Amino acid sequence: MLEIIHPDIIRGRIRHALFDFDGTLSLIREGWQGVMIPLMVEWLLDTPDHEDEAAITAVVAEFVTRLTGKQTIYQMIQLADEVAKRGGAPRDPLEYKRIYLDRLWARIQHRVADLKAGRIPPDELMVPGGRAMLDALATRGVRCYLASGTDEPYVLDEAAALQITPYFAGIYGARDDYKSFSKKLLIERIIAENHLAGPEFVAFGDGFVEIEDSKHVGGIAVGVASDEVNRTGIDAWKRNRLIAAGADLIVPDFREHAALAAYLFAE
């Protein structure tokens, strides 16, 4: 359950931690790819010089997965480029994003409503053990932050619905002015403002962005290769991608939170 990729990391010094949201802690948006990819394929099939549906689906699946972890707008910018390549007149990427978010909201709004009404216990829509991992860090005095490529109002609302807001010193998400925020900028700010040495910082995430950005500043990176559909076991595609991004450890979820915390704090 705890796969050590780089056993030579310096442990026991963590003071600050950053968590990705979707797929790392939250399962509210599970299935988002099944909304985004068909919608983009639909738009590209409407261009003058498009390939067949199978070829377009392969193109879309590649760039959607490659850009996962970055702000959603980057996938929409790529979509606009793909529309133009095929002789179409692309819309503003923000318009594409808003249409996609409306379509996704139709799929997940009942989950949020059920959480807020108490019909679903919050932990049922979290990666297993996530709350216990946050507790383990809190008891050790670690200051935690939440950062997501999902738009910030949604992240704030969904974190509150999961009842995890109090764990975080800051919660950050995507903005229409997308250049004003990135996980890289946030991590660099946390490091600078708190005068951290690399091993005093750790990032937890299921996407390559937070893993690469943590390693860039000399931090520790825990890859969460969560199977969001079955809620158990390893997602092999995520695992391989996280290792390629530089993850020091791989976990499927946080069920073994005690062992993970003990390892990270060299107990």
C-alpha atoms as a PDB file:
ATOM      1  CA  MET A   1       0.000   0.000   0.000  1.00  0.00           C
ATOM      2  CA  LEU A   2       3.036   2.284   0.371  1.00  0.00           C
ATOM      3  CA  GLU A   3       5.438   2.053  -2.578  1.00  0.00           C
ATOM      4  CA  ILE A   4       8.746   3.803  -1.947  1.00  0.00           C
ATOM      5  CA  ILE A   5      10.254   5.043  -5.213  1.00  0.00           C
ATOM      6  CA  HIS A   6      13.065   7.198  -3.821  1.00  0.00           C
ATOM      7  CA  PRO A   7      14.214   5.853  -0.432  1.00  0.00           C
ATOM      8  CA  ASP A   8      16.917   8.524  -0.056  1.00  0.00           C
ATOM      9  CA  ILE A   9      14.590  11.472   0.649  1.00  0.00           C
ATOM     10  CA  ILE A  10      15.195  13.442   3.843  1.00  0.00           C
ATOM     11  CA  ARG A  11      12.354  12.644   6.231  1.00  0.00           C
ATOM     12  CA  GLY A  12      11.085  13.999   9.534  1.00  0.00           C
ATOM     13  CA  ARG A  13      11.266  17.719   8.713  1.00  0.00           C
ATOM     14  CA  ILE A  14       7.878  18.468   7.084  1.00  0.00           C
ATOM     15  CA  ARG A  15       6.275  21.755   8.185  1.00  0.00           C
ATOM     16  CA  HIS A  16       3.979  22.622   5.274  1.00  0.00           C
ATOM     17  CA  ALA A  17       1.890  20.438   2.955  1.00  0.00           C
ATOM     18  CA  LEU A  18      -0.069  21.037  -0.229  1.00  0.00           C
ATOM     19  CA  PHE A  19      -2.930  18.817  -1.380  1.00  0.00           C
ATOM     20  CA  ASP A  20      -4.481  18.606  -4.807  1.00  0.00           C
ATOM     21  CA  PHE A  21      -8.274  18.322  -4.568  1.00  0.00           C
ATOM     22  CA  ASP A  22     -10.051  16.229  -7.211  1.00  0.00           C
ATOM     23  CA  GLY A  23      -8.851  12.628  -7.172  1.00  0.00           C
ATOM     24  CA  THR A  24      -6.518  13.287  -4.234  1.00  0.00           C
ATOM     25  CA  LEU A  25      -9.074  14.155  -1.549  1.00  0.00           C
ATOM     26  CA  SER A  26     -12.403  14.658  -3.318  1.00  0.00           C
ATOM     27  CA  LEU A  27     -14.427  12.228  -5.422  1.00  0.00           C
ATOM     28  CA  ILE A  28     -17.251  14.678  -6.078  1.00  0.00           C
ATOM     29  CA  ARG A  29     -16.089  15.224  -9.670  1.00  0.00           C
ATOM     30  CA  GLU A  30     -15.347  11.584 -10.423  1.00  0.00           C
ATOM     31  CA  GLY A  31     -16.203  10.975 -14.083  1.00  0.00           C
ATOM     32  CA  TRP A  32     -15.363  14.484 -15.328  1.00  0.00           C
ATOM     33  CA  GLN A  33     -13.329  13.053 -18.224  1.00  0.00           C
ATOM     34  CA  GLY A  34     -16.471  11.304 -19.421  1.00  0.00           C
ATOM     35  CA  VAL A  35     -18.062  14.735 -19.755  1.00  0.00           C
ATOM     36  CA  MET A  36     -15.143  16.742 -21.152  1.00  0.00           C
ATOM     37  CA  ILE A  37     -13.865  14.335 -23.799  1.00  0.00           C
ATOM     38  CA  PRO A  38     -17.198  13.627 -25.591  1.00  0.00           C
ATOM     39  CA  LEU A  39     -18.061  17.342 -25.521  1.00  0.00           C
ATOM     40  CA  MET A  40     -14.754  18.260 -27.157  1.00  0.00           C
ATOM     41  CA  VAL A  41     -15.146  15.472 -29.718  1.00  0.00           C
ATOM     42  CA  GLU A  42     -18.602  16.861 -30.527  1.00  0.00           C
ATOM     43  CA  TRP A  43     -17.123  20.304 -31.189  1.00  0.00           C
ATOM     44  CA  LEU A  44     -14.273  18.963 -33.319  1.00  0.00           C
ATOM     45  CA  LEU A  45     -16.607  16.797 -35.412  1.00  0.00           C
ATOM     46  CA  ASP A  46     -18.327  20.059 -36.349  1.00  0.00           C
ATOM     47  CA  THR A  47     -15.178  21.453 -38.046  1.00  0.00           C
ATOM     48  CA  PRO A  48     -14.735  21.386 -41.855  1.00  0.00           C
ATOM     49  CA  ASP A  49     -11.602  19.220 -42.013  1.00  0.00           C
ATOM     50  CA  HIS A  50     -12.062  16.740 -39.173  1.00  0.00           C
ATOM     51  CA  GLU A  51     -10.896  13.131 -39.018  1.00  0.00           C
ATOM     52  CA  ASP A  52     -13.185  10.253 -38.140  1.00  0.00           C
ATOM     53  CA  GLU A  53     -14.628  10.083 -34.637  1.00  0.00           C
ATOM     54  CA  ALA A  54     -12.165   7.456 -33.368  1.00  0.00           C
ATOM     55  CA  ALA A  55      -9.148   9.504 -34.453  1.00  0.00           C
ATOM     56  CA  ILE A  56     -10.532  12.698 -32.928  1.00  0.00           C
ATOM     57  CA  THR A  57     -11.348  10.901 -29.674  1.00  0.00           C
ATOM     58  CA  ALA A  58      -7.737   9.696 -29.466  1.00  0.00           C
ATOM     59  CA  VAL A  59      -6.422  13.243 -30.025  1.00  0.00           C
ATOM     60  CA  VAL A  60      -8.729  14.704 -27.379  1.00  0.00           C
ATOM     61  CA  ALA A  61      -8.043  11.966 -24.820  1.00  0.00           C
ATOM     62  CA  GLU A  62      -4.300  12.559 -25.209  1.00  0.00           C
ATOM     63  CA  PHE A  63      -4.308  16.291 -24.555  1.00  0.00           C
ATOM     64  CA  VAL A  64      -6.994  16.147 -21.858  1.00  0.00           C
ATOM     65  CA  THR A  65      -4.976  13.621 -19.861  1.00  0.00           C
ATOM     66  CA  ARG A  66      -1.669  15.385 -20.566  1.00  0.00           C
ATOM     67  CA  LEU A  67      -3.018  18.667 -19.208  1.00  0.00           C
ATOM     68  CA  THR A  68      -4.857  17.180 -16.208  1.00  0.00           C
ATOM     69  CA  GLY A  69      -3.800  18.926 -13.020  1.00  0.00           C
ATOM     70  CA  LYS A  70      -3.389  22.284 -14.704  1.00  0.00           C
ATOM     71  CA  GLN A  71      -6.254  24.760 -14.722  1.00  0.00           C
ATOM     72  CA  THR A  72      -9.168  23.637 -16.902  1.00  0.00           C
ATOM     73  CA  ILE A  73      -8.654  26.640 -19.180  1.00  0.00           C
ATOM     74  CA  TYR A  74      -5.480  25.065 -20.587  1.00  0.00           C
ATOM     75  CA  GLN A  75      -7.471  22.145 -21.948  1.00  0.00           C
ATOM     76  CA  MET A  76      -9.869  24.629 -23.511  1.00  0.00           C
ATOM     77  CA  ILE A  77      -7.018  26.626 -25.057  1.00  0.00           C
ATOM     78  CA  GLN A  78      -5.778  23.397 -26.636  1.00  0.00           C
ATOM     79  CA  LEU A  79      -9.306  22.667 -27.860  1.00  0.00           C
ATOM     80  CA  ALA A  80      -9.460  26.080 -29.552  1.00  0.00           C
ATOM     81  CA  ASP A  81      -6.140  25.317 -31.267  1.00  0.00           C
ATOM     82  CA  GLU A  82      -7.474  21.953 -32.462  1.00  0.00           C
ATOM     83  CA  VAL A  83     -10.630  23.593 -33.853  1.00  0.00           C
ATOM     84  CA  ALA A  84      -8.515  26.103 -35.791  1.00  0.00           C
ATOM     85  CA  LYS A  85      -6.252  23.338 -37.141  1.00  0.00           C
ATOM     86  CA  ARG A  86      -9.313  21.709 -38.688  1.00  0.00           C
ATOM     87  CA  GLY A  87     -10.582  24.845 -40.382  1.00  0.00           C
ATOM     88  CA  GLY A  88     -13.099  25.821 -37.744  1.00  0.00           C
ATOM     89  CA  ALA A  89     -13.699  29.167 -36.067  1.00  0.00           C
ATOM     90  CA  PRO A  90     -12.791  28.590 -32.409  1.00  0.00           C
ATOM     91  CA  ARG A  91     -14.752  30.168 -29.586  1.00  0.00           C
ATOM     92  CA  ASP A  92     -13.053  31.948 -26.724  1.00  0.00           C
ATOM     93  CA  PRO A  93     -11.560  29.246 -24.440  1.00  0.00           C
ATOM     94  CA  LEU A  94     -13.472  30.764 -21.503  1.00  0.00           C
ATOM     95  CA  GLU A  95     -16.721  30.146 -23.350  1.00  0.00           C
ATOM     96  CA  TYR A  96     -15.738  26.527 -23.949  1.00  0.00           C
ATOM     97  CA  LYS A  97     -14.925  26.212 -20.254  1.00  0.00           C
ATOM     98  CA  ARG A  98     -18.255  27.624 -19.121  1.00  0.00           C
ATOM     99  CA  ILE A  99     -20.211  25.267 -21.370  1.00  0.00           C
ATOM    100  CA  TYR A 100     -18.192  22.307 -20.076  1.00  0.00           C
ATOM    101  CA  LEU A 101     -18.693  23.346 -16.436  1.00  0.00           C
ATOM    102  CA  ASP A 102     -22.443  23.636 -16.989  1.00  0.00           C
ATOM    103  CA  ARG A 103     -22.502  20.131 -18.494  1.00  0.00           C
ATOM    104  CA  LEU A 104     -20.396  18.726 -15.639  1.00  0.00           C
ATOM    105  CA  TRP A 105     -22.556  20.457 -13.018  1.00  0.00           C
ATOM    106  CA  ALA A 106     -25.622  18.690 -14.420  1.00  0.00           C
ATOM    107  CA  ARG A 107     -23.827  15.403 -13.674  1.00  0.00           C
ATOM    108  CA  ILE A 108     -22.565  16.166 -10.165  1.00  0.00           C
ATOM    109  CA  GLN A 109     -24.980  18.679  -8.651  1.00  0.00           C
ATOM    110  CA  HIS A 110     -26.949  15.966  -6.872  1.00  0.00           C
ATOM    111  CA  ARG A 111     -23.757  14.830  -5.121  1.00  0.00           C
ATOM    112  CA  VAL A 112     -23.142  18.292  -3.718  1.00  0.00           C
ATOM    113  CA  ALA A 113     -26.799  18.714  -2.772  1.00  0.00           C
ATOM    114  CA  ASP A 114     -26.842  15.345  -0.994  1.00  0.00           C
ATOM    115  CA  LEU A 115     -23.680  16.211   0.914  1.00  0.00           C
ATOM    116  CA  LYS A 116     -25.068  19.545   2.059  1.00  0.00           C
ATOM    117  CA  ALA A 117     -28.375  17.971   3.075  1.00  0.00           C
ATOM    118  CA  GLY A 118     -26.647  15.221   5.045  1.00  0.00           C
ATOM    119  CA  ARG A 119     -27.993  12.444   2.826  1.00  0.00           C
ATOM    120  CA  ILE A 120     -24.444  11.333   2.006  1.00  0.00           C
ATOM    121  CA  PRO A 121     -21.736  11.166   4.690  1.00  0.00           C
ATOM    122  CA  PRO A 122     -18.812  13.348   3.543  1.00  0.00           C
ATOM    123  CA  ASP A 123     -16.287  10.524   3.681  1.00  0.00           C
ATOM    124  CA  GLU A 124     -18.267   8.593   1.050  1.00  0.00           C
ATOM    125  CA  LEU A 125     -17.210  11.172  -1.511  1.00  0.00           C
ATOM    126  CA  MET A 126     -13.596  11.401  -0.360  1.00  0.00           C
ATOM    127  CA  VAL A 127     -10.582   9.317  -1.277  1.00  0.00           C
ATOM    128  CA  PRO A 128     -10.505   6.690   1.502  1.00  0.00           C
ATOM    129  CA  GLY A 129      -8.542   7.786   4.560  1.00  0.00           C
ATOM    130  CA  GLY A 130      -8.237  11.383   3.365  1.00  0.00           C
ATOM    131  CA  ARG A 131      -9.681  12.949   6.505  1.00  0.00           C
ATOM    132  CA  ALA A 132      -7.532  10.753   8.740  1.00  0.00           C
ATOM    133  CA  MET A 133      -4.428  11.843   6.793  1.00  0.00           C
ATOM    134  CA  LEU A 134      -5.342  15.483   7.332  1.00  0.00           C
ATOM    135  CA  ASP A 135      -5.800  14.742  11.044  1.00  0.00           C
ATOM    136  CA  ALA A 136      -2.385  13.044  11.154  1.00  0.00           C
ATOM    137  CA  LEU A 137      -0.733  16.142   9.706  1.00  0.00           C
ATOM    138  CA  ALA A 138      -2.697  18.514  11.933  1.00  0.00           C
ATOM    139  CA  THR A 139      -1.617  16.669  15.095  1.00  0.00           C
ATOM    140  CA  ARG A 140       1.999  17.121  13.981  1.00  0.00           C
ATOM    141  CA  GLY A 141       1.562  20.859  13.508  1.00  0.00           C
ATOM    142  CA  VAL A 142       1.829  20.789   9.716  1.00  0.00           C
ATOM    143  CA  ARG A 143       0.262  23.775   7.947  1.00  0.00           C
ATOM    144  CA  CYS A 144      -1.818  22.536   4.988  1.00  0.00           C
ATOM    145  CA  TYR A 145      -3.002  24.159   1.765  1.00  0.00           C
ATOM    146  CA  LEU A 146      -5.479  23.009  -0.877  1.00  0.00           C
ATOM    147  CA  ALA A 147      -4.874  23.798  -4.568  1.00  0.00           C
ATOM    148  CA  SER A 148      -6.895  22.746  -7.582  1.00  0.00           C
ATOM    149  CA  GLY A 149      -7.190  23.270 -11.319  1.00  0.00           C
ATOM    150  CA  THR A 150     -10.971  23.475 -10.784  1.00  0.00           C
ATOM    151  CA  ASP A 151     -12.435  26.982 -10.518  1.00  0.00           C
ATOM    152  CA  GLU A 152     -11.960  28.451  -7.045  1.00  0.00           C
ATOM    153  CA  PRO A 153     -15.648  29.050  -6.152  1.00  0.00           C
ATOM    154  CA  TYR A 154     -16.379  25.357  -6.813  1.00  0.00           C
ATOM    155  CA  VAL A 155     -13.364  24.229  -4.774  1.00  0.00           C
ATOM    156  CA  LEU A 156     -14.403  26.392  -1.821  1.00  0.00           C
ATOM    157  CA  ASP A 157     -17.987  25.154  -2.009  1.00  0.00           C
ATOM    158  CA  GLU A 158     -17.102  21.482  -2.385  1.00  0.00           C
ATOM    159  CA  ALA A 159     -14.438  21.561   0.333  1.00  0.00           C
ATOM    160  CA  ALA A 160     -17.070  23.028   2.661  1.00  0.00           C
ATOM    161  CA  ALA A 161     -19.555  20.320   1.648  1.00  0.00           C
ATOM    162  CA  LEU A 162     -16.935  17.690   2.515  1.00  0.00           C
ATOM    163  CA  GLN A 163     -16.350  19.473   5.837  1.00  0.00           C
ATOM    164  CA  ILE A 164     -12.602  19.789   5.335  1.00  0.00           C
ATOM    165  CA  THR A 165     -12.238  23.582   5.082  1.00  0.00           C
ATOM    166  CA  PRO A 166     -10.869  24.016   8.649  1.00  0.00           C
ATOM    167  CA  TYR A 167      -7.870  21.822   7.854  1.00  0.00           C
ATOM    168  CA  PHE A 168      -6.423  24.370   5.425  1.00  0.00           C
ATOM    169  CA  ALA A 169      -4.592  27.650   5.891  1.00  0.00           C
ATOM    170  CA  GLY A 170      -5.565  28.502   2.312  1.00  0.00           C
ATOM    171  CA  ILE A 171      -7.760  27.071  -0.448  1.00  0.00           C
ATOM    172  CA  TYR A 172      -6.932  28.017  -4.029  1.00  0.00           C
ATOM    173  CA  GLY A 173      -8.396  27.250  -7.429  1.00  0.00           C
ATOM    174  CA  ALA A 174      -8.512  28.367 -11.029  1.00  0.00           C
ATOM    175  CA  ARG A 175      -9.531  31.894 -12.013  1.00  0.00           C
ATOM    176  CA  ASP A 176     -10.692  33.493 -15.248  1.00  0.00           C
ATOM    177  CA  ASP A 177      -7.457  35.484 -15.064  1.00  0.00           C
ATOM    178  CA  TYR A 178      -5.681  32.157 -15.289  1.00  0.00           C
ATOM    179  CA  LYS A 179      -2.145  33.557 -15.390  1.00  0.00           C
ATOM    180  CA  SER A 180      -2.573  34.965 -11.873  1.00  0.00           C
ATOM    181  CA  PHE A 181      -2.633  31.486 -10.311  1.00  0.00           C
ATOM    182  CA  SER A 182      -0.818  28.202 -10.700  1.00  0.00           C
ATOM    183  CA  LYS A 183       0.268  25.476  -8.322  1.00  0.00           C
ATOM    184  CA  LYS A 184       3.869  26.351  -9.173  1.00  0.00           C
ATOM    185  CA  LEU A 185       3.390  29.986  -8.134  1.00  0.00           C
ATOM    186  CA  LEU A 186       1.624  28.939  -4.937  1.00  0.00           C
ATOM    187  CA  ILE A 187       4.313  26.436  -3.967  1.00  0.00           C
ATOM    188  CA  GLU A 188       7.078  28.958  -4.611  1.00  0.00           C
ATOM    189  CA  ARG A 189       5.221  31.494  -2.456  1.00  0.00           C
ATOM    190  CA  ILE A 190       4.781  29.007   0.415  1.00  0.00           C
ATOM    191  CA  ILE A 191       8.485  28.159   0.275  1.00  0.00           C
ATOM    192  CA  ALA A 192       9.575  31.814   0.180  1.00  0.00           C
ATOM    193  CA  GLU A 193       7.174  33.231   2.786  1.00  0.00           C
ATOM    194  CA  ASN A 194       7.941  30.491   5.303  1.00  0.00           C
ATOM    195  CA  HIS A 195      11.670  30.272   4.585  1.00  0.00           C
ATOM    196  CA  LEU A 196      11.456  26.539   3.949  1.00  0.00           C
ATOM    197  CA  ALA A 197      14.204  24.165   2.946  1.00  0.00           C
ATOM    198  CA  GLY A 198      13.019  21.576   0.400  1.00  0.00           C
ATOM    199  CA  PRO A 199      12.278  18.604   2.703  1.00  0.00           C
ATOM    200  CA  GLU A 200      10.167  20.847   4.937  1.00  0.00           C
ATOM    201  CA  PHE A 201       7.529  20.835   2.188  1.00  0.00           C
ATOM    202  CA  VAL A 202       5.440  17.945   0.869  1.00  0.00           C
ATOM    203  CA  ALA A 203       2.830  17.758  -1.900  1.00  0.00           C
ATOM    204  CA  PHE A 204       0.121  15.113  -2.245  1.00  0.00           C
ATOM    205  CA  GLY A 205      -1.498  14.700  -5.647  1.00  0.00           C
ATOM    206  CA  ASP A 206      -2.825  12.410  -8.342  1.00  0.00           C
ATOM    207  CA  GLY A 207      -1.605  14.602 -11.222  1.00  0.00           C
ATOM    208  CA  PHE A 208       1.825  15.356 -12.580  1.00  0.00           C
ATOM    209  CA  VAL A 209       1.624  19.131 -11.954  1.00  0.00           C
ATOM    210  CA  GLU A 210       1.897  19.210  -8.159  1.00  0.00           C
ATOM    211  CA  ILE A 211       4.433  16.367  -8.224  1.00  0.00           C
ATOM    212  CA  GLU A 212       6.745  18.148 -10.672  1.00  0.00           C
ATOM    213  CA  ASP A 213       6.312  21.488  -8.935  1.00  0.00           C
ATOM    214  CA  SER A 214       7.146  20.010  -5.528  1.00  0.00           C
ATOM    215  CA  LYS A 215      10.289  18.318  -6.834  1.00  0.00           C
ATOM    216  CA  HIS A 216      11.294  21.561  -8.562  1.00  0.00           C
ATOM    217  CA  VAL A 217      11.706  23.223  -5.149  1.00  0.00           C
ATOM    218  CA  GLY A 218      13.374  20.184  -3.570  1.00  0.00           C
ATOM    219  CA  GLY A 219      10.247  19.091  -1.711  1.00  0.00           C
ATOM    220  CA  ILE A 220       8.803  15.634  -1.104  1.00  0.00           C
ATOM    221  CA  ALA A 221       6.140  14.389  -3.524  1.00  0.00           C
ATOM    222  CA  VAL A 222       3.562  11.747  -2.631  1.00  0.00           C
ATOM    223  CA  GLY A 223       1.737  10.408  -5.675  1.00  0.00           C
ATOM    224  CA  VAL A 224      -1.849   9.325  -4.990  1.00  0.00           C
ATOM    225  CA  ALA A 225      -2.673   6.783  -7.721  1.00  0.00           C
ATOM    226  CA  SER A 226      -6.328   6.618  -6.739  1.00  0.00           C
ATOM    227  CA  ASP A 227      -8.888   4.471  -8.538  1.00  0.00           C
ATOM    228  CA  GLU A 228     -11.725   6.976  -8.385  1.00  0.00           C
ATOM    229  CA  VAL A 229     -14.400   4.616  -9.702  1.00  0.00           C
ATOM    230  CA  ASN A 230     -13.776   1.531  -7.552  1.00  0.00           C
ATOM    231  CA  ARG A 231     -12.309   3.415  -4.557  1.00  0.00           C
ATOM    232  CA  THR A 232      -9.765   0.683  -3.954  1.00  0.00           C
ATOM    233  CA  GLY A 233      -6.461  -0.411  -5.445  1.00  0.00           C
ATOM    234  CA  ILE A 234      -4.033   1.351  -7.753  1.00  0.00           C
ATOM    235  CA  ASP A 235      -4.808   3.126 -10.989  1.00  0.00           C
ATOM    236  CA  ALA A 236      -1.871   1.835 -13.059  1.00  0.00           C
ATOM    237  CA  TRP A 237      -1.989   4.704 -15.561  1.00  0.00           C
ATOM    238  CA  LYS A 238      -1.854   7.277 -12.761  1.00  0.00           C
ATOM    239  CA  ARG A 239       0.952   5.374 -11.038  1.00  0.00           C
ATOM    240  CA  ASN A 240       3.168   5.346 -14.117  1.00  0.00           C
ATOM    241  CA  ARG A 241       2.522   9.012 -14.814  1.00  0.00           C
ATOM    242  CA  LEU A 242       3.228  10.027 -11.207  1.00  0.00           C
ATOM    243  CA  ILE A 243       6.507   8.104 -11.152  1.00  0.00           C
ATOM    244  CA  ALA A 244       7.531   9.733 -14.436  1.00  0.00           C
ATOM    245  CA  ALA A 245       6.766  13.130 -12.867  1.00  0.00           C
ATOM    246  CA  GLY A 246       9.173  12.380 -10.002  1.00  0.00           C
ATOM    247  CA  ALA A 247       6.990  11.033  -7.160  1.00  0.00           C
ATOM    248  CA  ASP A 248       8.991   9.847  -4.157  1.00  0.00           C
ATOM    249  CA  LEU A 249       6.202   7.585  -2.874  1.00  0.00           C
ATOM    250  CA  ILE A 250       3.071   6.095  -4.397  1.00  0.00           C
ATOM    251  CA  VAL A 251      -0.101   5.294  -2.456  1.00  0.00           C
ATOM    252  CA  PRO A 252      -3.507   4.194  -3.796  1.00  0.00           C
ATOM    253  CA  ASP A 253      -5.316   6.259  -1.146  1.00  0.00           C
ATOM    254  CA  PHE A 254      -4.862   7.135   2.519  1.00  0.00           C
ATOM    255  CA  ARG A 255      -6.168   3.959   4.158  1.00  0.00           C
ATOM    256  CA  GLU A 256      -2.635   3.384   5.485  1.00  0.00           C
ATOM    257  CA  HIS A 257      -2.398   6.950   6.776  1.00  0.00           C
ATOM    258  CA  ALA A 258      -0.664   5.896   9.991  1.00  0.00           C
ATOM    259  CA  ALA A 259       2.103   4.084   8.107  1.00  0.00           C
ATOM    260  CA  LEU A 260       2.460   6.917   5.617  1.00  0.00           C
ATOM    261  CA  ALA A 261       2.708   9.546   8.354  1.00  0.00           C
ATOM    262  CA  ALA A 262       5.169   7.415  10.286  1.00  0.00           C
ATOM    263  CA  TYR A 263       7.352   7.082   7.207  1.00  0.00           C
ATOM    264  CA  LEU A 264       7.249  10.755   6.293  1.00  0.00           C
ATOM    265  CA  PHE A 265       8.075  11.792   9.835  1.00  0.00           C
ATOM    266  CA  ALA A 266      10.674   9.024  10.269  1.00  0.00           C
ATOM    267  CA  GLU A 267       8.964   7.589  13.358  1.00  0.00           C
END
